[in-house]
Amino acid sequence: MHAEVPHWVEPTVFYFLPIALPVVAASFISLISINDLQRRAARYREMRALLQEVLEWHSITSFSESN
């Protein structure tokens, strides 16, 4: 059983999809990149807080060892 396809479907599929599918793929890659950027920005803030804690700990331990 074979269904008839309207005559305008074939040109649409063969001409539109090769242009549209790479654009869709690029948009998904961009979304992944945007989400990764937000994750890295949050991680950067956490790392700055951790670095500050380490520097404070180092200065406290160094000061107590010298006195």
PDB file of N, CA and C in Angstrom:
ATOM      1  N   MET A   1       0.850  -1.175   0.000  1.00  0.00           N
ATOM      2  CA  MET A   1       0.000   0.000   0.000  1.00  0.00           C
ATOM      3  C   MET A   1       0.894   1.235   0.000  1.00  0.00           C
ATOM      4  N   HIS A   2       0.772   2.038  -1.002  1.00  0.00           N
ATOM      5  CA  HIS A   2       1.624   3.213  -1.179  1.00  0.00           C
ATOM      6  C   HIS A   2       0.740   4.457  -1.267  1.00  0.00           C
ATOM      7  N   ALA A   3       1.027   5.421  -0.413  1.00  0.00           N
ATOM      8  CA  ALA A   3       0.224   6.640  -0.410  1.00  0.00           C
ATOM      9  C   ALA A   3       0.828   7.646  -1.380  1.00  0.00           C
ATOM     10  N   GLU A   4      -0.014   8.384  -2.037  1.00  0.00           N
ATOM     11  CA  GLU A   4       0.438   9.420  -2.957  1.00  0.00           C
ATOM     12  C   GLU A   4       0.931  10.637  -2.176  1.00  0.00           C
ATOM     13  N   VAL A   5       2.073  11.145  -2.564  1.00  0.00           N
ATOM     14  CA  VAL A   5       2.668  12.311  -1.934  1.00  0.00           C
ATOM     15  C   VAL A   5       2.406  13.512  -2.840  1.00  0.00           C
ATOM     16  N   PRO A   6       1.953  14.631  -2.283  1.00  0.00           N
ATOM     17  CA  PRO A   6       1.737  15.810  -3.133  1.00  0.00           C
ATOM     18  C   PRO A   6       3.031  16.213  -3.844  1.00  0.00           C
ATOM     19  N   HIS A   7       2.894  16.785  -5.024  1.00  0.00           N
ATOM     20  CA  HIS A   7       4.061  17.089  -5.866  1.00  0.00           C
ATOM     21  C   HIS A   7       4.977  18.150  -5.254  1.00  0.00           C
ATOM     22  N   TRP A   8       4.498  18.971  -4.344  1.00  0.00           N
ATOM     23  CA  TRP A   8       5.320  20.023  -3.760  1.00  0.00           C
ATOM     24  C   TRP A   8       6.177  19.529  -2.599  1.00  0.00           C
ATOM     25  N   VAL A   9       5.899  18.309  -2.104  1.00  0.00           N
ATOM     26  CA  VAL A   9       6.638  17.785  -0.948  1.00  0.00           C
ATOM     27  C   VAL A   9       8.077  17.443  -1.329  1.00  0.00           C
ATOM     28  N   GLU A  10       8.277  16.826  -2.466  1.00  0.00           N
ATOM     29  CA  GLU A  10       9.623  16.408  -2.860  1.00  0.00           C
ATOM     30  C   GLU A  10      10.582  17.579  -3.026  1.00  0.00           C
ATOM     31  N   PRO A  11      10.232  18.648  -3.740  1.00  0.00           N
ATOM     32  CA  PRO A  11      11.174  19.780  -3.803  1.00  0.00           C
ATOM     33  C   PRO A  11      11.414  20.427  -2.447  1.00  0.00           C
ATOM     34  N   THR A  12      10.374  20.441  -1.637  1.00  0.00           N
ATOM     35  CA  THR A  12      10.549  21.020  -0.304  1.00  0.00           C
ATOM     36  C   THR A  12      11.544  20.216   0.506  1.00  0.00           C
ATOM     37  N   VAL A  13      11.406  18.906   0.474  1.00  0.00           N
ATOM     38  CA  VAL A  13      12.306  18.036   1.240  1.00  0.00           C
ATOM     39  C   VAL A  13      13.733  18.135   0.708  1.00  0.00           C
ATOM     40  N   PHE A  14      13.909  18.095  -0.592  1.00  0.00           N
ATOM     41  CA  PHE A  14      15.256  18.057  -1.169  1.00  0.00           C
ATOM     42  C   PHE A  14      15.951  19.409  -1.201  1.00  0.00           C
ATOM     43  N   TYR A  15      15.207  20.491  -1.136  1.00  0.00           N
ATOM     44  CA  TYR A  15      15.830  21.814  -1.187  1.00  0.00           C
ATOM     45  C   TYR A  15      15.830  22.519   0.160  1.00  0.00           C
ATOM     46  N   PHE A  16      14.822  22.303   0.953  1.00  0.00           N
ATOM     47  CA  PHE A  16      14.718  23.021   2.228  1.00  0.00           C
ATOM     48  C   PHE A  16      15.474  22.320   3.349  1.00  0.00           C
ATOM     49  N   LEU A  17      15.328  21.008   3.459  1.00  0.00           N
ATOM     50  CA  LEU A  17      15.962  20.295   4.570  1.00  0.00           C
ATOM     51  C   LEU A  17      17.493  20.364   4.553  1.00  0.00           C
ATOM     52  N   PRO A  18      18.184  20.292   3.412  1.00  0.00           N
ATOM     53  CA  PRO A  18      19.644  20.430   3.451  1.00  0.00           C
ATOM     54  C   PRO A  18      20.103  21.793   3.965  1.00  0.00           C
ATOM     55  N   ILE A  19      19.262  22.792   3.850  1.00  0.00           N
ATOM     56  CA  ILE A  19      19.602  24.112   4.384  1.00  0.00           C
ATOM     57  C   ILE A  19      19.192  24.215   5.846  1.00  0.00           C
ATOM     58  N   ALA A  20      18.026  23.690   6.180  1.00  0.00           N
ATOM     59  CA  ALA A  20      17.469  23.864   7.521  1.00  0.00           C
ATOM     60  C   ALA A  20      18.137  22.978   8.566  1.00  0.00           C
ATOM     61  N   LEU A  21      18.488  21.766   8.223  1.00  0.00           N
ATOM     62  CA  LEU A  21      19.036  20.845   9.226  1.00  0.00           C
ATOM     63  C   LEU A  21      20.389  21.299   9.787  1.00  0.00           C
ATOM     64  N   PRO A  22      21.331  21.808   8.994  1.00  0.00           N
ATOM     65  CA  PRO A  22      22.563  22.334   9.608  1.00  0.00           C
ATOM     66  C   PRO A  22      22.308  23.530  10.528  1.00  0.00           C
ATOM     67  N   VAL A  23      21.309  24.347  10.189  1.00  0.00           N
ATOM     68  CA  VAL A  23      20.964  25.481  11.057  1.00  0.00           C
ATOM     69  C   VAL A  23      20.418  24.978  12.383  1.00  0.00           C
ATOM     70  N   VAL A  24      19.587  23.958  12.335  1.00  0.00           N
ATOM     71  CA  VAL A  24      19.041  23.374  13.571  1.00  0.00           C
ATOM     72  C   VAL A  24      20.165  22.765  14.401  1.00  0.00           C
ATOM     73  N   ALA A  25      21.084  22.062  13.760  1.00  0.00           N
ATOM     74  CA  ALA A  25      22.205  21.464  14.486  1.00  0.00           C
ATOM     75  C   ALA A  25      23.081  22.541  15.124  1.00  0.00           C
ATOM     76  N   ALA A  26      23.342  23.612  14.396  1.00  0.00           N
ATOM     77  CA  ALA A  26      24.158  24.704  14.946  1.00  0.00           C
ATOM     78  C   ALA A  26      23.462  25.373  16.116  1.00  0.00           C
ATOM     79  N   SER A  27      22.146  25.495  16.045  1.00  0.00           N
ATOM     80  CA  SER A  27      21.432  26.117  17.167  1.00  0.00           C
ATOM     81  C   SER A  27      21.499  25.241  18.409  1.00  0.00           C
ATOM     82  N   PHE A  28      21.409  23.930  18.248  1.00  0.00           N
ATOM     83  CA  PHE A  28      21.544  23.044  19.403  1.00  0.00           C
ATOM     84  C   PHE A  28      22.949  23.110  19.989  1.00  0.00           C
ATOM     85  N   ILE A  29      23.960  23.185  19.140  1.00  0.00           N
ATOM     86  CA  ILE A  29      25.337  23.313  19.633  1.00  0.00           C
ATOM     87  C   ILE A  29      25.510  24.634  20.371  1.00  0.00           C
ATOM     88  N   SER A  30      24.891  25.692  19.871  1.00  0.00           N
ATOM     89  CA  SER A  30      24.964  26.983  20.554  1.00  0.00           C
ATOM     90  C   SER A  30      24.295  26.924  21.919  1.00  0.00           C
ATOM     91  N   LEU A  31      23.164  26.233  22.016  1.00  0.00           N
ATOM     92  CA  LEU A  31      22.495  26.092  23.311  1.00  0.00           C
ATOM     93  C   LEU A  31      23.365  25.332  24.307  1.00  0.00           C
ATOM     94  N   ILE A  32      24.032  24.306  23.827  1.00  0.00           N
ATOM     95  CA  ILE A  32      24.948  23.559  24.695  1.00  0.00           C
ATOM     96  C   ILE A  32      26.070  24.474  25.166  1.00  0.00           C
ATOM     97  N   SER A  33      26.614  25.265  24.270  1.00  0.00           N
ATOM     98  CA  SER A  33      27.696  26.181  24.614  1.00  0.00           C
ATOM     99  C   SER A  33      27.237  27.238  25.610  1.00  0.00           C
ATOM    100  N   ILE A  34      26.029  27.767  25.427  1.00  0.00           N
ATOM    101  CA  ILE A  34      25.502  28.772  26.350  1.00  0.00           C
ATOM    102  C   ILE A  34      25.327  28.182  27.740  1.00  0.00           C
ATOM    103  N   ASN A  35      24.779  26.979  27.828  1.00  0.00           N
ATOM    104  CA  ASN A  35      24.596  26.346  29.130  1.00  0.00           C
ATOM    105  C   ASN A  35      25.942  26.047  29.789  1.00  0.00           C
ATOM    106  N   ASP A  36      26.930  25.654  28.992  1.00  0.00           N
ATOM    107  CA  ASP A  36      28.251  25.398  29.545  1.00  0.00           C
ATOM    108  C   ASP A  36      28.892  26.692  30.038  1.00  0.00           C
ATOM    109  N   LEU A  37      28.651  27.798  29.355  1.00  0.00           N
ATOM    110  CA  LEU A  37      29.188  29.082  29.785  1.00  0.00           C
ATOM    111  C   LEU A  37      28.618  29.484  31.142  1.00  0.00           C
ATOM    112  N   GLN A  38      27.322  29.273  31.336  1.00  0.00           N
ATOM    113  CA  GLN A  38      26.705  29.588  32.625  1.00  0.00           C
ATOM    114  C   GLN A  38      27.278  28.704  33.728  1.00  0.00           C
ATOM    115  N   ARG A  39      27.529  27.438  33.423  1.00  0.00           N
ATOM    116  CA  ARG A  39      28.114  26.530  34.411  1.00  0.00           C
ATOM    117  C   ARG A  39      29.530  26.967  34.765  1.00  0.00           C
ATOM    118  N   ARG A  40      30.288  27.375  33.741  1.00  0.00           N
ATOM    119  CA  ARG A  40      31.659  27.823  34.010  1.00  0.00           C
ATOM    120  C   ARG A  40      31.684  29.118  34.812  1.00  0.00           C
ATOM    121  N   ALA A  41      30.743  30.017  34.562  1.00  0.00           N
ATOM    122  CA  ALA A  41      30.693  31.264  35.324  1.00  0.00           C
ATOM    123  C   ALA A  41      30.374  30.977  36.784  1.00  0.00           C
ATOM    124  N   ALA A  42      29.456  30.054  37.033  1.00  0.00           N
ATOM    125  CA  ALA A  42      29.150  29.678  38.421  1.00  0.00           C
ATOM    126  C   ALA A  42      30.356  29.014  39.068  1.00  0.00           C
ATOM    127  N   ARG A  43      31.051  28.169  38.326  1.00  0.00           N
ATOM    128  CA  ARG A  43      32.237  27.500  38.872  1.00  0.00           C
ATOM    129  C   ARG A  43      33.340  28.516  39.168  1.00  0.00           C
ATOM    130  N   TYR A  44      33.478  29.542  38.321  1.00  0.00           N
ATOM    131  CA  TYR A  44      34.486  30.576  38.527  1.00  0.00           C
ATOM    132  C   TYR A  44      34.219  31.325  39.830  1.00  0.00           C
ATOM    133  N   ARG A  45      32.943  31.647  40.095  1.00  0.00           N
ATOM    134  CA  ARG A  45      32.615  32.327  41.353  1.00  0.00           C
ATOM    135  C   ARG A  45      32.941  31.434  42.552  1.00  0.00           C
ATOM    136  N   GLU A  46      32.640  30.145  42.443  1.00  0.00           N
ATOM    137  CA  GLU A  46      32.958  29.213  43.531  1.00  0.00           C
ATOM    138  C   GLU A  46      34.461  29.100  43.731  1.00  0.00           C
ATOM    139  N   MET A  47      35.212  29.060  42.641  1.00  0.00           N
ATOM    140  CA  MET A  47      36.663  28.929  42.754  1.00  0.00           C
ATOM    141  C   MET A  47      37.279  30.185  43.366  1.00  0.00           C
ATOM    142  N   ARG A  48      36.721  31.355  43.049  1.00  0.00           N
ATOM    143  CA  ARG A  48      37.247  32.576  43.662  1.00  0.00           C
ATOM    144  C   ARG A  48      36.995  32.557  45.157  1.00  0.00           C
ATOM    145  N   ALA A  49      35.819  32.072  45.589  1.00  0.00           N
ATOM    146  CA  ALA A  49      35.527  31.984  47.029  1.00  0.00           C
ATOM    147  C   ALA A  49      36.460  30.981  47.698  1.00  0.00           C
ATOM    148  N   LEU A  50      36.697  29.852  47.050  1.00  0.00           N
ATOM    149  CA  LEU A  50      37.606  28.852  47.609  1.00  0.00           C
ATOM    150  C   LEU A  50      39.025  29.395  47.697  1.00  0.00           C
ATOM    151  N   LEU A  51      39.468  30.103  46.676  1.00  0.00           N
ATOM    152  CA  LEU A  51      40.803  30.685  46.701  1.00  0.00           C
ATOM    153  C   LEU A  51      40.945  31.687  47.836  1.00  0.00           C
ATOM    154  N   GLN A  52      39.915  32.467  48.065  1.00  0.00           N
ATOM    155  CA  GLN A  52      39.950  33.432  49.162  1.00  0.00           C
ATOM    156  C   GLN A  52      40.040  32.712  50.506  1.00  0.00           C
ATOM    157  N   GLU A  53      39.290  31.620  50.662  1.00  0.00           N
ATOM    158  CA  GLU A  53      39.362  30.843  51.902  1.00  0.00           C
ATOM    159  C   GLU A  53      40.764  30.264  52.108  1.00  0.00           C
ATOM    160  N   VAL A  54      41.371  29.759  51.031  1.00  0.00           N
ATOM    161  CA  VAL A  54      42.712  29.187  51.139  1.00  0.00           C
ATOM    162  C   VAL A  54      43.731  30.261  51.509  1.00  0.00           C
ATOM    163  N   LEU A  55      43.613  31.438  50.904  1.00  0.00           N
ATOM    164  CA  LEU A  55      44.540  32.518  51.238  1.00  0.00           C
ATOM    165  C   LEU A  55      44.378  32.970  52.686  1.00  0.00           C
ATOM    166  N   GLU A  56      43.141  33.051  53.150  1.00  0.00           N
ATOM    167  CA  GLU A  56      42.919  33.416  54.553  1.00  0.00           C
ATOM    168  C   GLU A  56      43.488  32.351  55.481  1.00  0.00           C
ATOM    169  N   TRP A  57      43.261  31.082  55.163  1.00  0.00           N
ATOM    170  CA  TRP A  57      43.791  30.002  55.990  1.00  0.00           C
ATOM    171  C   TRP A  57      45.316  30.051  55.996  1.00  0.00           C
ATOM    172  N   HIS A  58      45.921  30.274  54.847  1.00  0.00           N
ATOM    173  CA  HIS A  58      47.377  30.328  54.760  1.00  0.00           C
ATOM    174  C   HIS A  58      47.933  31.496  55.571  1.00  0.00           C
ATOM    175  N   SER A  59      47.283  32.636  55.488  1.00  0.00           N
ATOM    176  CA  SER A  59      47.790  33.791  56.242  1.00  0.00           C
ATOM    177  C   SER A  59      47.623  33.573  57.743  1.00  0.00           C
ATOM    178  N   ILE A  60      46.536  32.942  58.153  1.00  0.00           N
ATOM    179  CA  ILE A  60      46.334  32.668  59.589  1.00  0.00           C
ATOM    180  C   ILE A  60      47.354  31.667  60.086  1.00  0.00           C
ATOM    181  N   THR A  61      47.582  30.585  59.347  1.00  0.00           N
ATOM    182  CA  THR A  61      48.540  29.567  59.798  1.00  0.00           C
ATOM    183  C   THR A  61      49.973  30.113  59.742  1.00  0.00           C
ATOM    184  N   SER A  62      50.283  30.905  58.750  1.00  0.00           N
ATOM    185  CA  SER A  62      51.630  31.480  58.670  1.00  0.00           C
ATOM    186  C   SER A  62      51.868  32.470  59.813  1.00  0.00           C
ATOM    187  N   PHE A  63      50.870  33.259  60.151  1.00  0.00           N
ATOM    188  CA  PHE A  63      51.004  34.221  61.238  1.00  0.00           C
ATOM    189  C   PHE A  63      51.143  33.515  62.578  1.00  0.00           C
ATOM    190  N   SER A  64      50.380  32.428  62.780  1.00  0.00           N
ATOM    191  CA  SER A  64      50.452  31.733  64.071  1.00  0.00           C
ATOM    192  C   SER A  64      51.770  30.951  64.202  1.00  0.00           C
ATOM    193  N   GLU A  65      52.369  30.490  63.122  1.00  0.00           N
ATOM    194  CA  GLU A  65      53.641  29.791  63.172  1.00  0.00           C
ATOM    195  C   GLU A  65      54.783  30.763  63.477  1.00  0.00           C
ATOM    196  N   SER A  66      54.686  31.988  62.983  1.00  0.00           N
ATOM    197  CA  SER A  66      55.772  32.940  63.175  1.00  0.00           C
ATOM    198  C   SER A  66      55.749  33.536  64.585  1.00  0.00           C
ATOM    199  N   ASN A  67      54.612  33.473  65.282  1.00  0.00           N
ATOM    200  CA  ASN A  67      54.525  34.015  66.644  1.00  0.00           C
ATOM    201  C   ASN A  67      54.485  32.962  67.692  1.00  0.00           C
TER     202      ASN A  67
END
